[in-house]
Amino acid sequence: MKKYTKIHKLSDNKFLNLFKLDALTDSGRAFDYFFVSRRNEDNIKLLTKDSAAEGVVIYPVLREDPEKIVMIRQYRYPLDDYLYELPAGLIDAGETPEVAAVREMKEETGLDFTVYTKGDGAYRRPFFMGAGFTDESCNAVFGYASGAISRADMEDTESIQVLIVDKAEAARILREEKVSIRAAYLLMNFLHADKQAPFRFLE
């Protein structure tokens, strides 16, 4: 049974738009359902049925010390507060998730990023972000960070502090700070990662 009768696009923004569905309950009762999408009205996922990612989250352990991970502390306008996160960003047209991860890592932190390609590919496929309010999905890209932290390529609309975090600090952040759900679950893996094989959890 189709669970909506019509789609209405309610905004016209470059990055994110609001849609309203003339939705139906299981019993057939009509109600309004609102969601946001980064796609245009012809390619929202309730029409395409695909799960291709719009963005990436990056899991960057330090090449020189895999017991440390690169995090960011970023101001988020909806919270009027800083949130602890992993580097992340949108996939540009023509990019693979891996290419986007290398670019976003450089833009947000100034660091170089080498993608780790081994392990089970199932952990790299797109997963949905919050399907109660958006059709957005995201790939995780794992790898090694190296080089020097720099703000040279950071966009002026972003307020980001780059952090090099060891396991004790990661545990403290999980206990005490405001953390994005993506970072939280990936930090749980980091806390139990093997120094000699930091990506063994992907096997």
C-alpha atoms as a PDB file:
ATOM      1  CA  MET A   1       0.000   0.000   0.000  1.00  0.00           C
ATOM      2  CA  LYS A   2       1.348   3.420  -0.953  1.00  0.00           C
ATOM      3  CA  LYS A   3       1.620   5.555   2.190  1.00  0.00           C
ATOM      4  CA  TYR A   4       1.239   9.018   0.599  1.00  0.00           C
ATOM      5  CA  THR A   5      -0.765  10.661  -2.176  1.00  0.00           C
ATOM      6  CA  LYS A   6       1.255  13.796  -3.016  1.00  0.00           C
ATOM      7  CA  ILE A   7       4.628  15.458  -2.398  1.00  0.00           C
ATOM      8  CA  HIS A   8       4.966  19.219  -1.842  1.00  0.00           C
ATOM      9  CA  LYS A   9       8.348  21.019  -1.967  1.00  0.00           C
ATOM     10  CA  LEU A  10       8.117  23.854   0.552  1.00  0.00           C
ATOM     11  CA  SER A  11      11.500  25.584   0.206  1.00  0.00           C
ATOM     12  CA  ASP A  12      14.129  26.404  -2.372  1.00  0.00           C
ATOM     13  CA  ASN A  13      17.604  26.205  -0.842  1.00  0.00           C
ATOM     14  CA  LYS A  14      20.931  25.130  -2.336  1.00  0.00           C
ATOM     15  CA  PHE A  15      21.818  22.610   0.369  1.00  0.00           C
ATOM     16  CA  LEU A  16      18.645  21.374   2.076  1.00  0.00           C
ATOM     17  CA  ASN A  17      14.912  21.575   1.416  1.00  0.00           C
ATOM     18  CA  LEU A  18      11.695  20.949   3.287  1.00  0.00           C
ATOM     19  CA  PHE A  19       9.053  18.632   1.846  1.00  0.00           C
ATOM     20  CA  LYS A  20       5.512  17.836   2.959  1.00  0.00           C
ATOM     21  CA  LEU A  21       3.802  14.554   2.196  1.00  0.00           C
ATOM     22  CA  ASP A  22       0.078  14.085   2.041  1.00  0.00           C
ATOM     23  CA  ALA A  23       0.665  10.928   4.042  1.00  0.00           C
ATOM     24  CA  LEU A  24      -1.596   8.016   4.939  1.00  0.00           C
ATOM     25  CA  THR A  25      -1.721   5.859   8.048  1.00  0.00           C
ATOM     26  CA  ASP A  26      -2.046   2.075   7.786  1.00  0.00           C
ATOM     27  CA  SER A  27      -5.790   2.521   8.145  1.00  0.00           C
ATOM     28  CA  GLY A  28      -5.893   5.077   5.322  1.00  0.00           C
ATOM     29  CA  ARG A  29      -6.314   8.234   7.417  1.00  0.00           C
ATOM     30  CA  ALA A  30      -4.673  11.314   5.861  1.00  0.00           C
ATOM     31  CA  PHE A  31      -2.127  13.432   7.770  1.00  0.00           C
ATOM     32  CA  ASP A  32       0.781  15.799   7.042  1.00  0.00           C
ATOM     33  CA  TYR A  33       4.334  14.445   7.233  1.00  0.00           C
ATOM     34  CA  PHE A  34       7.368  16.714   6.906  1.00  0.00           C
ATOM     35  CA  PHE A  35      10.956  15.805   6.048  1.00  0.00           C
ATOM     36  CA  VAL A  36      14.102  17.397   4.645  1.00  0.00           C
ATOM     37  CA  SER A  37      16.330  16.281   1.790  1.00  0.00           C
ATOM     38  CA  ARG A  38      19.529  17.415   0.115  1.00  0.00           C
ATOM     39  CA  ARG A  39      18.140  16.207  -3.233  1.00  0.00           C
ATOM     40  CA  ASN A  40      15.899  17.941  -5.737  1.00  0.00           C
ATOM     41  CA  GLU A  41      12.225  17.030  -5.914  1.00  0.00           C
ATOM     42  CA  ASP A  42      12.708  14.555  -8.776  1.00  0.00           C
ATOM     43  CA  ASN A  43      15.399  12.546  -6.969  1.00  0.00           C
ATOM     44  CA  ILE A  44      14.294  12.264  -3.348  1.00  0.00           C
ATOM     45  CA  LYS A  45      14.738   8.719  -2.142  1.00  0.00           C
ATOM     46  CA  LEU A  46      11.080   7.885  -1.671  1.00  0.00           C
ATOM     47  CA  LEU A  47      10.951   8.152  -5.481  1.00  0.00           C
ATOM     48  CA  THR A  48      14.322   6.657  -6.444  1.00  0.00           C
ATOM     49  CA  LYS A  49      14.424   3.961  -3.724  1.00  0.00           C
ATOM     50  CA  ASP A  50      18.240   4.159  -3.673  1.00  0.00           C
ATOM     51  CA  SER A  51      20.502   4.653  -0.672  1.00  0.00           C
ATOM     52  CA  ALA A  52      23.441   6.478  -2.293  1.00  0.00           C
ATOM     53  CA  ALA A  53      25.220   8.695   0.209  1.00  0.00           C
ATOM     54  CA  GLU A  54      25.115  12.471   0.173  1.00  0.00           C
ATOM     55  CA  GLY A  55      27.975  12.736   2.655  1.00  0.00           C
ATOM     56  CA  VAL A  56      30.887  11.076   4.405  1.00  0.00           C
ATOM     57  CA  VAL A  57      32.113  10.780   7.964  1.00  0.00           C
ATOM     58  CA  ILE A  58      35.846  10.262   8.329  1.00  0.00           C
ATOM     59  CA  TYR A  59      37.563   7.956  10.843  1.00  0.00           C
ATOM     60  CA  PRO A  60      41.158   9.299  10.831  1.00  0.00           C
ATOM     61  CA  VAL A  61      43.690   7.699  13.142  1.00  0.00           C
ATOM     62  CA  LEU A  62      47.138   9.264  13.241  1.00  0.00           C
ATOM     63  CA  ARG A  63      49.632   7.491  10.995  1.00  0.00           C
ATOM     64  CA  GLU A  64      52.446   8.138  13.505  1.00  0.00           C
ATOM     65  CA  ASP A  65      50.382   7.041  16.532  1.00  0.00           C
ATOM     66  CA  PRO A  66      47.238   4.939  15.876  1.00  0.00           C
ATOM     67  CA  GLU A  67      46.339   5.313  19.558  1.00  0.00           C
ATOM     68  CA  LYS A  68      45.189   8.833  18.656  1.00  0.00           C
ATOM     69  CA  ILE A  69      42.362  10.007  16.420  1.00  0.00           C
ATOM     70  CA  VAL A  70      41.578  13.342  14.773  1.00  0.00           C
ATOM     71  CA  MET A  71      38.351  14.936  15.970  1.00  0.00           C
ATOM     72  CA  ILE A  72      36.783  18.337  15.509  1.00  0.00           C
ATOM     73  CA  ARG A  73      34.833  20.539  17.880  1.00  0.00           C
ATOM     74  CA  GLN A  74      32.408  22.469  15.707  1.00  0.00           C
ATOM     75  CA  TYR A  75      29.878  25.202  16.415  1.00  0.00           C
ATOM     76  CA  ARG A  76      26.406  24.057  15.366  1.00  0.00           C
ATOM     77  CA  TYR A  77      23.813  26.769  14.857  1.00  0.00           C
ATOM     78  CA  PRO A  78      20.734  24.665  15.772  1.00  0.00           C
ATOM     79  CA  LEU A  79      22.316  24.031  19.189  1.00  0.00           C
ATOM     80  CA  ASP A  80      24.042  27.396  19.674  1.00  0.00           C
ATOM     81  CA  ASP A  81      26.835  25.281  21.070  1.00  0.00           C
ATOM     82  CA  TYR A  82      29.909  23.292  20.113  1.00  0.00           C
ATOM     83  CA  LEU A  83      29.609  19.606  19.269  1.00  0.00           C
ATOM     84  CA  TYR A  84      32.371  17.003  19.297  1.00  0.00           C
ATOM     85  CA  GLU A  85      32.434  15.274  15.923  1.00  0.00           C
ATOM     86  CA  LEU A  86      34.611  13.443  13.447  1.00  0.00           C
ATOM     87  CA  PRO A  87      35.539  15.293  10.249  1.00  0.00           C
ATOM     88  CA  ALA A  88      32.738  14.996   7.703  1.00  0.00           C
ATOM     89  CA  GLY A  89      31.195  16.643   4.691  1.00  0.00           C
ATOM     90  CA  LEU A  90      29.145  16.400   1.533  1.00  0.00           C
ATOM     91  CA  ILE A  91      30.117  14.402  -1.539  1.00  0.00           C
ATOM     92  CA  ASP A  92      30.462  16.730  -4.529  1.00  0.00           C
ATOM     93  CA  ALA A  93      29.187  15.780  -7.981  1.00  0.00           C
ATOM     94  CA  GLY A  94      31.531  13.268  -9.605  1.00  0.00           C
ATOM     95  CA  GLU A  95      33.302  12.347  -6.369  1.00  0.00           C
ATOM     96  CA  THR A  96      33.523   8.952  -4.756  1.00  0.00           C
ATOM     97  CA  PRO A  97      33.142   8.847  -0.964  1.00  0.00           C
ATOM     98  CA  GLU A  98      36.887   8.250  -0.686  1.00  0.00           C
ATOM     99  CA  VAL A  99      37.780  11.278  -2.815  1.00  0.00           C
ATOM    100  CA  ALA A 100      35.323  13.392  -0.821  1.00  0.00           C
ATOM    101  CA  ALA A 101      36.909  12.210   2.440  1.00  0.00           C
ATOM    102  CA  VAL A 102      40.406  13.234   1.324  1.00  0.00           C
ATOM    103  CA  ARG A 103      39.128  16.668   0.228  1.00  0.00           C
ATOM    104  CA  GLU A 104      37.024  17.276   3.346  1.00  0.00           C
ATOM    105  CA  MET A 105      39.855  16.201   5.643  1.00  0.00           C
ATOM    106  CA  LYS A 106      42.158  18.748   4.028  1.00  0.00           C
ATOM    107  CA  GLU A 107      39.514  21.499   4.119  1.00  0.00           C
ATOM    108  CA  GLU A 108      38.490  20.975   7.745  1.00  0.00           C
ATOM    109  CA  THR A 109      41.828  20.109   9.342  1.00  0.00           C
ATOM    110  CA  GLY A 110      44.660  20.794   6.904  1.00  0.00           C
ATOM    111  CA  LEU A 111      45.756  17.165   7.321  1.00  0.00           C
ATOM    112  CA  ASP A 112      46.395  14.629   4.584  1.00  0.00           C
ATOM    113  CA  PHE A 113      44.252  11.492   4.590  1.00  0.00           C
ATOM    114  CA  THR A 114      45.151   8.046   3.256  1.00  0.00           C
ATOM    115  CA  VAL A 115      42.153   5.758   2.823  1.00  0.00           C
ATOM    116  CA  TYR A 116      42.280   2.275   4.362  1.00  0.00           C
ATOM    117  CA  THR A 117      40.787  -0.078   1.769  1.00  0.00           C
ATOM    118  CA  LYS A 118      40.938  -3.494   3.454  1.00  0.00           C
ATOM    119  CA  GLY A 119      38.285  -5.194   5.560  1.00  0.00           C
ATOM    120  CA  ASP A 120      34.629  -5.967   4.950  1.00  0.00           C
ATOM    121  CA  GLY A 121      33.028  -3.603   2.438  1.00  0.00           C
ATOM    122  CA  ALA A 122      29.721  -3.892   4.295  1.00  0.00           C
ATOM    123  CA  TYR A 123      31.028  -1.374   6.824  1.00  0.00           C
ATOM    124  CA  ARG A 124      31.605   1.185   4.073  1.00  0.00           C
ATOM    125  CA  ARG A 125      28.191   1.088   2.435  1.00  0.00           C
ATOM    126  CA  PRO A 126      25.770   3.985   2.951  1.00  0.00           C
ATOM    127  CA  PHE A 127      23.696   4.048   6.122  1.00  0.00           C
ATOM    128  CA  PHE A 128      20.749   6.353   6.778  1.00  0.00           C
ATOM    129  CA  MET A 129      21.204   9.293   9.134  1.00  0.00           C
ATOM    130  CA  GLY A 130      17.776   9.877  10.671  1.00  0.00           C
ATOM    131  CA  ALA A 131      14.988   8.532   8.491  1.00  0.00           C
ATOM    132  CA  GLY A 132      12.287  10.037  10.705  1.00  0.00           C
ATOM    133  CA  PHE A 133      13.098  13.479   9.328  1.00  0.00           C
ATOM    134  CA  THR A 134      15.517  13.102   6.378  1.00  0.00           C
ATOM    135  CA  ASP A 135      16.353  10.747   3.523  1.00  0.00           C
ATOM    136  CA  GLU A 136      20.073  11.565   3.853  1.00  0.00           C
ATOM    137  CA  SER A 137      22.587   8.726   4.039  1.00  0.00           C
ATOM    138  CA  CYS A 138      26.304   8.676   4.726  1.00  0.00           C
ATOM    139  CA  ASN A 139      29.403   6.572   4.069  1.00  0.00           C
ATOM    140  CA  ALA A 140      32.088   6.061   6.695  1.00  0.00           C
ATOM    141  CA  VAL A 141      35.610   6.283   5.278  1.00  0.00           C
ATOM    142  CA  PHE A 142      38.472   4.893   7.366  1.00  0.00           C
ATOM    143  CA  GLY A 143      42.149   5.737   7.122  1.00  0.00           C
ATOM    144  CA  TYR A 144      45.290   7.446   8.358  1.00  0.00           C
ATOM    145  CA  ALA A 145      45.841  11.160   8.934  1.00  0.00           C
ATOM    146  CA  SER A 146      49.238  12.803   8.594  1.00  0.00           C
ATOM    147  CA  GLY A 147      50.822  16.207   8.142  1.00  0.00           C
ATOM    148  CA  ALA A 148      50.250  19.468   9.969  1.00  0.00           C
ATOM    149  CA  ILE A 149      46.990  20.988  11.193  1.00  0.00           C
ATOM    150  CA  SER A 150      46.061  24.113   9.237  1.00  0.00           C
ATOM    151  CA  ARG A 151      43.074  26.440   8.847  1.00  0.00           C
ATOM    152  CA  ALA A 152      44.135  27.581   5.356  1.00  0.00           C
ATOM    153  CA  ASP A 153      41.352  25.723   3.487  1.00  0.00           C
ATOM    154  CA  MET A 154      38.609  26.064   6.090  1.00  0.00           C
ATOM    155  CA  GLU A 155      35.403  27.797   4.979  1.00  0.00           C
ATOM    156  CA  ASP A 156      34.574  30.989   6.856  1.00  0.00           C
ATOM    157  CA  THR A 157      31.052  29.681   7.558  1.00  0.00           C
ATOM    158  CA  GLU A 158      32.547  26.913   9.681  1.00  0.00           C
ATOM    159  CA  SER A 159      33.797  27.404  13.231  1.00  0.00           C
ATOM    160  CA  ILE A 160      36.013  24.365  13.816  1.00  0.00           C
ATOM    161  CA  GLN A 161      38.679  23.445  16.345  1.00  0.00           C
ATOM    162  CA  VAL A 162      40.860  20.493  15.333  1.00  0.00           C
ATOM    163  CA  LEU A 163      41.713  18.067  18.136  1.00  0.00           C
ATOM    164  CA  ILE A 164      44.148  15.155  18.413  1.00  0.00           C
ATOM    165  CA  VAL A 165      42.481  12.812  20.888  1.00  0.00           C
ATOM    166  CA  ASP A 166      43.917   9.817  22.751  1.00  0.00           C
ATOM    167  CA  LYS A 167      41.789   7.046  24.206  1.00  0.00           C
ATOM    168  CA  ALA A 168      41.525   8.590  27.664  1.00  0.00           C
ATOM    169  CA  GLU A 169      40.255  11.848  26.205  1.00  0.00           C
ATOM    170  CA  ALA A 170      37.887   9.979  23.867  1.00  0.00           C
ATOM    171  CA  ALA A 171      36.384   8.209  26.871  1.00  0.00           C
ATOM    172  CA  ARG A 172      35.993  11.530  28.684  1.00  0.00           C
ATOM    173  CA  ILE A 173      34.313  13.113  25.670  1.00  0.00           C
ATOM    174  CA  LEU A 174      31.824  10.234  25.484  1.00  0.00           C
ATOM    175  CA  ARG A 175      31.014  10.602  29.186  1.00  0.00           C
ATOM    176  CA  GLU A 176      30.859  14.379  29.498  1.00  0.00           C
ATOM    177  CA  GLU A 177      30.483  16.277  26.216  1.00  0.00           C
ATOM    178  CA  LYS A 178      27.887  16.858  23.512  1.00  0.00           C
ATOM    179  CA  VAL A 179      28.790  14.403  20.738  1.00  0.00           C
ATOM    180  CA  SER A 180      27.318  13.589  17.326  1.00  0.00           C
ATOM    181  CA  ILE A 181      25.871  10.077  17.086  1.00  0.00           C
ATOM    182  CA  ARG A 182      28.227   9.179  14.227  1.00  0.00           C
ATOM    183  CA  ALA A 183      31.265  10.184  16.259  1.00  0.00           C
ATOM    184  CA  ALA A 184      29.967   8.462  19.378  1.00  0.00           C
ATOM    185  CA  TYR A 185      29.593   5.030  17.776  1.00  0.00           C
ATOM    186  CA  LEU A 186      32.892   5.275  15.920  1.00  0.00           C
ATOM    187  CA  LEU A 187      34.695   6.404  19.089  1.00  0.00           C
ATOM    188  CA  MET A 188      33.426   3.251  20.788  1.00  0.00           C
ATOM    189  CA  ASN A 189      35.339   1.267  18.156  1.00  0.00           C
ATOM    190  CA  PHE A 190      38.383   3.480  18.620  1.00  0.00           C
ATOM    191  CA  LEU A 191      38.447   2.823  22.381  1.00  0.00           C
ATOM    192  CA  HIS A 192      38.786  -0.908  21.725  1.00  0.00           C
ATOM    193  CA  ALA A 193      41.036  -0.732  18.644  1.00  0.00           C
ATOM    194  CA  ASP A 194      44.360  -2.584  18.572  1.00  0.00           C
ATOM    195  CA  LYS A 195      47.386  -0.303  18.291  1.00  0.00           C
ATOM    196  CA  GLN A 196      49.088  -2.781  15.957  1.00  0.00           C
ATOM    197  CA  ALA A 197      45.974  -3.280  13.807  1.00  0.00           C
ATOM    198  CA  PRO A 198      43.763  -0.181  14.291  1.00  0.00           C
ATOM    199  CA  PHE A 199      41.222  -1.245  11.668  1.00  0.00           C
ATOM    200  CA  ARG A 200      40.852  -4.877  12.700  1.00  0.00           C
ATOM    201  CA  PHE A 201      37.240  -4.157  13.701  1.00  0.00           C
ATOM    202  CA  LEU A 202      36.460  -3.811   9.975  1.00  0.00           C
ATOM    203  CA  GLU A 203      37.375  -7.417   9.248  1.00  0.00           C
END
